[in-house]
PDB file of N, CA and C in Angstrom:
ATOM      1  N   MET A   1     -12.154  34.694  22.449  1.00  0.00           N
ATOM      2  CA  MET A   1     -10.851  34.069  22.457  1.00  0.00           C
ATOM      3  C   MET A   1     -10.872  32.773  23.278  1.00  0.00           C
ATOM      4  N   PHE A   2     -11.514  32.831  24.437  1.00  0.00           N
ATOM      5  CA  PHE A   2     -11.601  31.657  25.298  1.00  0.00           C
ATOM      6  C   PHE A   2     -12.318  30.512  24.586  1.00  0.00           C
ATOM      7  N   LYS A   3     -13.337  30.860  23.786  1.00  0.00           N
ATOM      8  CA  LYS A   3     -14.102  29.850  23.054  1.00  0.00           C
ATOM      9  C   LYS A   3     -13.193  29.115  22.063  1.00  0.00           C
ATOM     10  N   TYR A   4     -12.332  29.844  21.362  1.00  0.00           N
ATOM     11  CA  TYR A   4     -11.429  29.228  20.391  1.00  0.00           C
ATOM     12  C   TYR A   4     -10.361  28.373  21.075  1.00  0.00           C
ATOM     13  N   ALA A   5      -9.899  28.819  22.220  1.00  0.00           N
ATOM     14  CA  ALA A   5      -8.914  28.044  22.964  1.00  0.00           C
ATOM     15  C   ALA A   5      -9.514  26.720  23.429  1.00  0.00           C
ATOM     16  N   CYS A   6     -10.756  26.761  23.891  1.00  0.00           N
ATOM     17  CA  CYS A   6     -11.434  25.527  24.314  1.00  0.00           C
ATOM     18  C   CYS A   6     -11.649  24.589  23.136  1.00  0.00           C
ATOM     19  N   LEU A   7     -12.007  25.142  22.001  1.00  0.00           N
ATOM     20  CA  LEU A   7     -12.209  24.336  20.797  1.00  0.00           C
ATOM     21  C   LEU A   7     -10.900  23.673  20.377  1.00  0.00           C
ATOM     22  N   PHE A   8      -9.820  24.426  20.426  1.00  0.00           N
ATOM     23  CA  PHE A   8      -8.507  23.898  20.068  1.00  0.00           C
ATOM     24  C   PHE A   8      -8.103  22.763  21.007  1.00  0.00           C
ATOM     25  N   VAL A   9      -8.270  22.968  22.291  1.00  0.00           N
ATOM     26  CA  VAL A   9      -7.915  21.944  23.281  1.00  0.00           C
ATOM     27  C   VAL A   9      -8.781  20.698  23.104  1.00  0.00           C
ATOM     28  N   ALA A  10     -10.042  20.875  22.783  1.00  0.00           N
ATOM     29  CA  ALA A  10     -10.941  19.736  22.582  1.00  0.00           C
ATOM     30  C   ALA A  10     -10.589  18.957  21.319  1.00  0.00           C
ATOM     31  N   ALA A  11     -10.054  19.627  20.310  1.00  0.00           N
ATOM     32  CA  ALA A  11      -9.737  18.970  19.039  1.00  0.00           C
ATOM     33  C   ALA A  11      -8.396  18.244  19.070  1.00  0.00           C
ATOM     34  N   MET A  12      -7.517  18.573  19.966  1.00  0.00           N
ATOM     35  CA  MET A  12      -6.183  17.976  19.999  1.00  0.00           C
ATOM     36  C   MET A  12      -6.180  16.450  20.127  1.00  0.00           C
ATOM     37  N   PRO A  13      -6.969  15.844  21.002  1.00  0.00           N
ATOM     38  CA  PRO A  13      -6.947  14.370  21.069  1.00  0.00           C
ATOM     39  C   PRO A  13      -7.385  13.717  19.758  1.00  0.00           C
ATOM     40  N   ILE A  14      -8.306  14.324  19.082  1.00  0.00           N
ATOM     41  CA  ILE A  14      -8.777  13.766  17.811  1.00  0.00           C
ATOM     42  C   ILE A  14      -7.692  13.876  16.757  1.00  0.00           C
ATOM     43  N   ILE A  15      -7.045  15.014  16.675  1.00  0.00           N
ATOM     44  CA  ILE A  15      -5.984  15.224  15.695  1.00  0.00           C
ATOM     45  C   ILE A  15      -4.800  14.311  15.991  1.00  0.00           C
ATOM     46  N   GLY A  16      -4.459  14.148  17.244  1.00  0.00           N
ATOM     47  CA  GLY A  16      -3.323  13.323  17.627  1.00  0.00           C
ATOM     48  C   GLY A  16      -3.513  11.847  17.355  1.00  0.00           C
ATOM     49  N   CYS A  17      -4.736  11.388  17.255  1.00  0.00           N
ATOM     50  CA  CYS A  17      -5.013   9.971  17.041  1.00  0.00           C
ATOM     51  C   CYS A  17      -5.255   9.624  15.579  1.00  0.00           C
ATOM     52  N   SER A  18      -5.168  10.582  14.702  1.00  0.00           N
ATOM     53  CA  SER A  18      -5.434  10.295  13.294  1.00  0.00           C
ATOM     54  C   SER A  18      -4.265   9.534  12.694  1.00  0.00           C
ATOM     55  N   THR A  19      -4.541   8.792  11.638  1.00  0.00           N
ATOM     56  CA  THR A  19      -3.511   8.036  10.947  1.00  0.00           C
ATOM     57  C   THR A  19      -3.414   8.514   9.515  1.00  0.00           C
ATOM     58  N   THR A  20      -2.319   8.148   8.876  1.00  0.00           N
ATOM     59  CA  THR A  20      -2.155   8.464   7.462  1.00  0.00           C
ATOM     60  C   THR A  20      -2.091   7.167   6.690  1.00  0.00           C
ATOM     61  N   GLN A  21      -2.508   7.216   5.450  1.00  0.00           N
ATOM     62  CA  GLN A  21      -2.434   6.029   4.614  1.00  0.00           C
ATOM     63  C   GLN A  21      -1.018   5.859   4.114  1.00  0.00           C
ATOM     64  N   ASN A  22      -0.648   4.617   3.901  1.00  0.00           N
ATOM     65  CA  ASN A  22       0.648   4.326   3.339  1.00  0.00           C
ATOM     66  C   ASN A  22       0.708   4.864   1.917  1.00  0.00           C
ATOM     67  N   GLN A  23       1.837   5.413   1.526  1.00  0.00           N
ATOM     68  CA  GLN A  23       1.988   6.022   0.208  1.00  0.00           C
ATOM     69  C   GLN A  23       1.858   5.014  -0.925  1.00  0.00           C
ATOM     70  N   THR A  24       2.018   3.749  -0.651  1.00  0.00           N
ATOM     71  CA  THR A  24       2.021   2.769  -1.717  1.00  0.00           C
ATOM     72  C   THR A  24       0.727   1.992  -1.854  1.00  0.00           C
ATOM     73  N   ASP A  25      -0.342   2.464  -1.258  1.00  0.00           N
ATOM     74  CA  ASP A  25      -1.629   1.821  -1.477  1.00  0.00           C
ATOM     75  C   ASP A  25      -1.919   1.785  -2.968  1.00  0.00           C
ATOM     76  N   LYS A  26      -2.577   0.719  -3.407  1.00  0.00           N
ATOM     77  CA  LYS A  26      -2.855   0.584  -4.835  1.00  0.00           C
ATOM     78  C   LYS A  26      -3.605   1.790  -5.373  1.00  0.00           C
ATOM     79  N   SER A  27      -4.500   2.353  -4.568  1.00  0.00           N
ATOM     80  CA  SER A  27      -5.264   3.503  -5.020  1.00  0.00           C
ATOM     81  C   SER A  27      -4.387   4.737  -5.195  1.00  0.00           C
ATOM     82  N   GLN A  28      -3.222   4.753  -4.571  1.00  0.00           N
ATOM     83  CA  GLN A  28      -2.340   5.907  -4.653  1.00  0.00           C
ATOM     84  C   GLN A  28      -1.178   5.699  -5.614  1.00  0.00           C
ATOM     85  N   VAL A  29      -1.076   4.548  -6.218  1.00  0.00           N
ATOM     86  CA  VAL A  29      -0.010   4.275  -7.164  1.00  0.00           C
ATOM     87  C   VAL A  29      -0.611   4.299  -8.561  1.00  0.00           C
ATOM     88  N   ASN A  30      -0.043   5.103  -9.427  1.00  0.00           N
ATOM     89  CA  ASN A  30      -0.560   5.221 -10.787  1.00  0.00           C
ATOM     90  C   ASN A  30       0.012   4.099 -11.647  1.00  0.00           C
ATOM     91  N   LEU A  31      -0.800   3.103 -11.894  1.00  0.00           N
ATOM     92  CA  LEU A  31      -0.401   1.974 -12.734  1.00  0.00           C
ATOM     93  C   LEU A  31      -1.128   2.006 -14.074  1.00  0.00           C
ATOM     94  N   ALA A  32      -1.638   3.170 -14.448  1.00  0.00           N
ATOM     95  CA  ALA A  32      -2.482   3.296 -15.640  1.00  0.00           C
ATOM     96  C   ALA A  32      -1.779   2.867 -16.919  1.00  0.00           C
ATOM     97  N   GLY A  33      -0.489   3.067 -17.038  1.00  0.00           N
ATOM     98  CA  GLY A  33       0.215   2.729 -18.265  1.00  0.00           C
ATOM     99  C   GLY A  33       0.653   1.278 -18.350  1.00  0.00           C
ATOM    100  N   TYR A  34       0.368   0.508 -17.328  1.00  0.00           N
ATOM    101  CA  TYR A  34       0.815  -0.880 -17.279  1.00  0.00           C
ATOM    102  C   TYR A  34      -0.323  -1.825 -17.640  1.00  0.00           C
ATOM    103  N   PRO A  35       0.023  -2.983 -18.214  1.00  0.00           N
ATOM    104  CA  PRO A  35      -1.020  -3.958 -18.561  1.00  0.00           C
ATOM    105  C   PRO A  35      -1.683  -4.535 -17.307  1.00  0.00           C
ATOM    106  N   PRO A  36      -2.898  -5.051 -17.459  1.00  0.00           N
ATOM    107  CA  PRO A  36      -3.627  -5.616 -16.311  1.00  0.00           C
ATOM    108  C   PRO A  36      -2.849  -6.696 -15.554  1.00  0.00           C
ATOM    109  N   ALA A  37      -2.085  -7.514 -16.260  1.00  0.00           N
ATOM    110  CA  ALA A  37      -1.317  -8.566 -15.586  1.00  0.00           C
ATOM    111  C   ALA A  37      -0.290  -7.960 -14.634  1.00  0.00           C
ATOM    112  N   PHE A  38       0.364  -6.890 -15.058  1.00  0.00           N
ATOM    113  CA  PHE A  38       1.334  -6.210 -14.195  1.00  0.00           C
ATOM    114  C   PHE A  38       0.630  -5.614 -12.983  1.00  0.00           C
ATOM    115  N   GLN A  39      -0.509  -4.980 -13.207  1.00  0.00           N
ATOM    116  CA  GLN A  39      -1.272  -4.375 -12.117  1.00  0.00           C
ATOM    117  C   GLN A  39      -1.699  -5.421 -11.090  1.00  0.00           C
ATOM    118  N   ASP A  40      -2.164  -6.568 -11.570  1.00  0.00           N
ATOM    119  CA  ASP A  40      -2.562  -7.655 -10.664  1.00  0.00           C
ATOM    120  C   ASP A  40      -1.365  -8.144  -9.847  1.00  0.00           C
ATOM    121  N   GLY A  41      -0.240  -8.330 -10.527  1.00  0.00           N
ATOM    122  CA  GLY A  41       0.964  -8.783  -9.844  1.00  0.00           C
ATOM    123  C   GLY A  41       1.452  -7.775  -8.819  1.00  0.00           C
ATOM    124  N   TYR A  42       1.401  -6.495  -9.191  1.00  0.00           N
ATOM    125  CA  TYR A  42       1.820  -5.437  -8.265  1.00  0.00           C
ATOM    126  C   TYR A  42       0.964  -5.463  -7.001  1.00  0.00           C
ATOM    127  N   ALA A  43      -0.339  -5.558  -7.178  1.00  0.00           N
ATOM    128  CA  ALA A  43      -1.252  -5.578  -6.026  1.00  0.00           C
ATOM    129  C   ALA A  43      -0.974  -6.791  -5.138  1.00  0.00           C
ATOM    130  N   ASP A  44      -0.796  -7.959  -5.743  1.00  0.00           N
ATOM    131  CA  ASP A  44      -0.518  -9.166  -4.956  1.00  0.00           C
ATOM    132  C   ASP A  44       0.831  -9.070  -4.243  1.00  0.00           C
ATOM    133  N   GLY A  45       1.841  -8.551  -4.940  1.00  0.00           N
ATOM    134  CA  GLY A  45       3.164  -8.408  -4.336  1.00  0.00           C
ATOM    135  C   GLY A  45       3.162  -7.431  -3.177  1.00  0.00           C
ATOM    136  N   CYS A  46       2.485  -6.315  -3.369  1.00  0.00           N
ATOM    137  CA  CYS A  46       2.412  -5.305  -2.314  1.00  0.00           C
ATOM    138  C   CYS A  46       1.656  -5.851  -1.103  1.00  0.00           C
ATOM    139  N   ASN A  47       0.553  -6.515  -1.342  1.00  0.00           N
ATOM    140  CA  ASN A  47      -0.210  -7.108  -0.239  1.00  0.00           C
ATOM    141  C   ASN A  47       0.604  -8.184   0.475  1.00  0.00           C
ATOM    142  N   SER A  48       1.418  -8.912  -0.267  1.00  0.00           N
ATOM    143  CA  SER A  48       2.279  -9.927   0.345  1.00  0.00           C
ATOM    144  C   SER A  48       3.310  -9.286   1.260  1.00  0.00           C
ATOM    145  N   ALA A  49       3.868  -8.167   0.845  1.00  0.00           N
ATOM    146  CA  ALA A  49       4.884  -7.486   1.650  1.00  0.00           C
ATOM    147  C   ALA A  49       4.304  -6.966   2.954  1.00  0.00           C
ATOM    148  N   ARG A  50       3.043  -6.627   2.953  1.00  0.00           N
ATOM    149  CA  ARG A  50       2.407  -6.061   4.144  1.00  0.00           C
ATOM    150  C   ARG A  50       1.902  -7.124   5.111  1.00  0.00           C
ATOM    151  N   ARG A  51       1.844  -8.360   4.681  1.00  0.00           N
ATOM    152  CA  ARG A  51       1.357  -9.439   5.552  1.00  0.00           C
ATOM    153  C   ARG A  51       2.457  -9.883   6.494  1.00  0.00           C
ATOM    154  N   ALA A  52       2.075 -10.284   7.680  1.00  0.00           N
ATOM    155  CA  ALA A  52       3.044 -10.783   8.654  1.00  0.00           C
ATOM    156  C   ALA A  52       3.468 -12.210   8.314  1.00  0.00           C
ATOM    157  N   ILE A  53       2.543 -12.998   7.802  1.00  0.00           N
ATOM    158  CA  ILE A  53       2.820 -14.402   7.504  1.00  0.00           C
ATOM    159  C   ILE A  53       2.305 -14.726   6.109  1.00  0.00           C
ATOM    160  N   GLY A  54       3.103 -15.448   5.356  1.00  0.00           N
ATOM    161  CA  GLY A  54       2.674 -15.927   4.053  1.00  0.00           C
ATOM    162  C   GLY A  54       2.701 -14.863   2.977  1.00  0.00           C
ATOM    163  N   LYS A  55       2.380 -15.305   1.776  1.00  0.00           N
ATOM    164  CA  LYS A  55       2.352 -14.368   0.669  1.00  0.00           C
ATOM    165  C   LYS A  55       1.172 -14.657  -0.231  1.00  0.00           C
ATOM    166  N   ILE A  56       0.773 -13.634  -0.930  1.00  0.00           N
ATOM    167  CA  ILE A  56      -0.317 -13.757  -1.886  1.00  0.00           C
ATOM    168  C   ILE A  56       0.330 -13.799  -3.261  1.00  0.00           C
ATOM    169  N   ARG A  57       0.289 -14.946  -3.893  1.00  0.00           N
ATOM    170  CA  ARG A  57       0.885 -15.049  -5.220  1.00  0.00           C
ATOM    171  C   ARG A  57       0.257 -16.230  -5.945  1.00  0.00           C
ATOM    172  N   ASP A  58      -0.182 -15.966  -7.145  1.00  0.00           N
ATOM    173  CA  ASP A  58      -0.700 -17.018  -8.012  1.00  0.00           C
ATOM    174  C   ASP A  58       0.519 -17.696  -8.640  1.00  0.00           C
ATOM    175  N   GLU A  59       0.923 -18.821  -8.066  1.00  0.00           N
ATOM    176  CA  GLU A  59       2.168 -19.477  -8.474  1.00  0.00           C
ATOM    177  C   GLU A  59       2.184 -19.872  -9.950  1.00  0.00           C
ATOM    178  N   LYS A  60       1.077 -20.407 -10.432  1.00  0.00           N
ATOM    179  CA  LYS A  60       1.025 -20.801 -11.846  1.00  0.00           C
ATOM    180  C   LYS A  60       1.175 -19.584 -12.749  1.00  0.00           C
ATOM    181  N   ARG A  61       0.477 -18.519 -12.390  1.00  0.00           N
ATOM    182  CA  ARG A  61       0.554 -17.292 -13.188  1.00  0.00           C
ATOM    183  C   ARG A  61       1.946 -16.659 -13.069  1.00  0.00           C
ATOM    184  N   PHE A  62       2.541 -16.723 -11.895  1.00  0.00           N
ATOM    185  CA  PHE A  62       3.871 -16.171 -11.676  1.00  0.00           C
ATOM    186  C   PHE A  62       4.890 -16.849 -12.591  1.00  0.00           C
ATOM    187  N   GLU A  63       4.765 -18.156 -12.740  1.00  0.00           N
ATOM    188  CA  GLU A  63       5.688 -18.907 -13.595  1.00  0.00           C
ATOM    189  C   GLU A  63       5.418 -18.703 -15.087  1.00  0.00           C
ATOM    190  N   ALA A  64       4.154 -18.532 -15.454  1.00  0.00           N
ATOM    191  CA  ALA A  64       3.785 -18.481 -16.871  1.00  0.00           C
ATOM    192  C   ALA A  64       3.691 -17.071 -17.450  1.00  0.00           C
ATOM    193  N   ASP A  65       3.437 -16.069 -16.622  1.00  0.00           N
ATOM    194  CA  ASP A  65       3.167 -14.714 -17.109  1.00  0.00           C
ATOM    195  C   ASP A  65       4.248 -13.763 -16.596  1.00  0.00           C
ATOM    196  N   SER A  66       5.152 -13.364 -17.481  1.00  0.00           N
ATOM    197  CA  SER A  66       6.269 -12.517 -17.063  1.00  0.00           C
ATOM    198  C   SER A  66       5.817 -11.138 -16.581  1.00  0.00           C
ATOM    199  N   MET A  67       4.713 -10.622 -17.105  1.00  0.00           N
ATOM    200  CA  MET A  67       4.221  -9.315 -16.657  1.00  0.00           C
ATOM    201  C   MET A  67       3.689  -9.403 -15.227  1.00  0.00           C
ATOM    202  N   TYR A  68       2.954 -10.462 -14.931  1.00  0.00           N
ATOM    203  CA  TYR A  68       2.470 -10.672 -13.561  1.00  0.00           C
ATOM    204  C   TYR A  68       3.661 -10.798 -12.607  1.00  0.00           C
ATOM    205  N   ALA A  69       4.646 -11.605 -12.999  1.00  0.00           N
ATOM    206  CA  ALA A  69       5.824 -11.819 -12.153  1.00  0.00           C
ATOM    207  C   ALA A  69       6.587 -10.516 -11.928  1.00  0.00           C
ATOM    208  N   SER A  70       6.746  -9.735 -12.969  1.00  0.00           N
ATOM    209  CA  SER A  70       7.446  -8.457 -12.850  1.00  0.00           C
ATOM    210  C   SER A  70       6.691  -7.499 -11.931  1.00  0.00           C
ATOM    211  N   GLY A  71       5.380  -7.432 -12.096  1.00  0.00           N
ATOM    212  CA  GLY A  71       4.556  -6.591 -11.233  1.00  0.00           C
ATOM    213  C   GLY A  71       4.610  -7.052  -9.791  1.00  0.00           C
ATOM    214  N   TRP A  72       4.575  -8.372  -9.587  1.00  0.00           N
ATOM    215  CA  TRP A  72       4.627  -8.914  -8.229  1.00  0.00           C
ATOM    216  C   TRP A  72       5.934  -8.524  -7.551  1.00  0.00           C
ATOM    217  N   ARG A  73       7.040  -8.699  -8.253  1.00  0.00           N
ATOM    218  CA  ARG A  73       8.344  -8.352  -7.673  1.00  0.00           C
ATOM    219  C   ARG A  73       8.432  -6.857  -7.348  1.00  0.00           C
ATOM    220  N   ASP A  74       7.980  -6.021  -8.293  1.00  0.00           N
ATOM    221  CA  ASP A  74       8.019  -4.573  -8.053  1.00  0.00           C
ATOM    222  C   ASP A  74       7.158  -4.194  -6.850  1.00  0.00           C
ATOM    223  N   GLY A  75       5.936  -4.710  -6.806  1.00  0.00           N
ATOM    224  CA  GLY A  75       5.044  -4.402  -5.693  1.00  0.00           C
ATOM    225  C   GLY A  75       5.605  -4.872  -4.365  1.00  0.00           C
ATOM    226  N   PHE A  76       6.156  -6.072  -4.359  1.00  0.00           N
ATOM    227  CA  PHE A  76       6.733  -6.614  -3.126  1.00  0.00           C
ATOM    228  C   PHE A  76       7.913  -5.771  -2.659  1.00  0.00           C
ATOM    229  N   ASP A  77       8.805  -5.436  -3.589  1.00  0.00           N
ATOM    230  CA  ASP A  77       9.992  -4.655  -3.228  1.00  0.00           C
ATOM    231  C   ASP A  77       9.629  -3.266  -2.712  1.00  0.00           C
ATOM    232  N   ILE A  78       8.754  -2.582  -3.416  1.00  0.00           N
ATOM    233  CA  ILE A  78       8.389  -1.217  -3.031  1.00  0.00           C
ATOM    234  C   ILE A  78       7.656  -1.205  -1.696  1.00  0.00           C
ATOM    235  N   CYS A  79       6.718  -2.101  -1.526  1.00  0.00           N
ATOM    236  CA  CYS A  79       5.944  -2.116  -0.277  1.00  0.00           C
ATOM    237  C   CYS A  79       6.759  -2.646   0.896  1.00  0.00           C
ATOM    238  N   SER A  80       7.765  -3.468   0.638  1.00  0.00           N
ATOM    239  CA  SER A  80       8.659  -3.921   1.708  1.00  0.00           C
ATOM    240  C   SER A  80       9.492  -2.760   2.225  1.00  0.00           C
ATOM    241  N   GLU A  81       9.928  -1.887   1.321  1.00  0.00           N
ATOM    242  CA  GLU A  81      10.747  -0.738   1.707  1.00  0.00           C
ATOM    243  C   GLU A  81       9.960   0.254   2.543  1.00  0.00           C
ATOM    244  N   THR A  82       8.675   0.412   2.258  1.00  0.00           N
ATOM    245  CA  THR A  82       7.872   1.424   2.945  1.00  0.00           C
ATOM    246  C   THR A  82       7.051   0.842   4.089  1.00  0.00           C
ATOM    247  N   LYS A  83       7.210  -0.425   4.378  1.00  0.00           N
ATOM    248  CA  LYS A  83       6.395  -1.106   5.386  1.00  0.00           C
ATOM    249  C   LYS A  83       6.535  -0.478   6.766  1.00  0.00           C
ATOM    250  N   TYR A  84       7.723  -0.070   7.124  1.00  0.00           N
ATOM    251  CA  TYR A  84       7.960   0.414   8.480  1.00  0.00           C
ATOM    252  C   TYR A  84       8.115   1.927   8.562  1.00  0.00           C
ATOM    253  N   GLU A  85       7.780   2.634   7.517  1.00  0.00           N
ATOM    254  CA  GLU A  85       7.885   4.101   7.540  1.00  0.00           C
ATOM    255  C   GLU A  85       6.693   4.724   8.190  1.00  0.00           C
TER     256      GLU A  85
END
């Protein structure tokens, strides 16, 4: 019993310092049904929302490709909402 108690006490600092991934990481968002342009825009928008300064956006593509623009807006909005959770 003492051995298990020592193991538990030794593991607590490690468990307490662990982090969790944000729910909206690209790897955790299922974009399989969306076209590649939307997926690219979503990734850029989400990454922009997580940055402290500036944004990642292909301006020419944003203006010319409605799927990229839609994905960018969705990614930015969703990742902005979950940024501080």
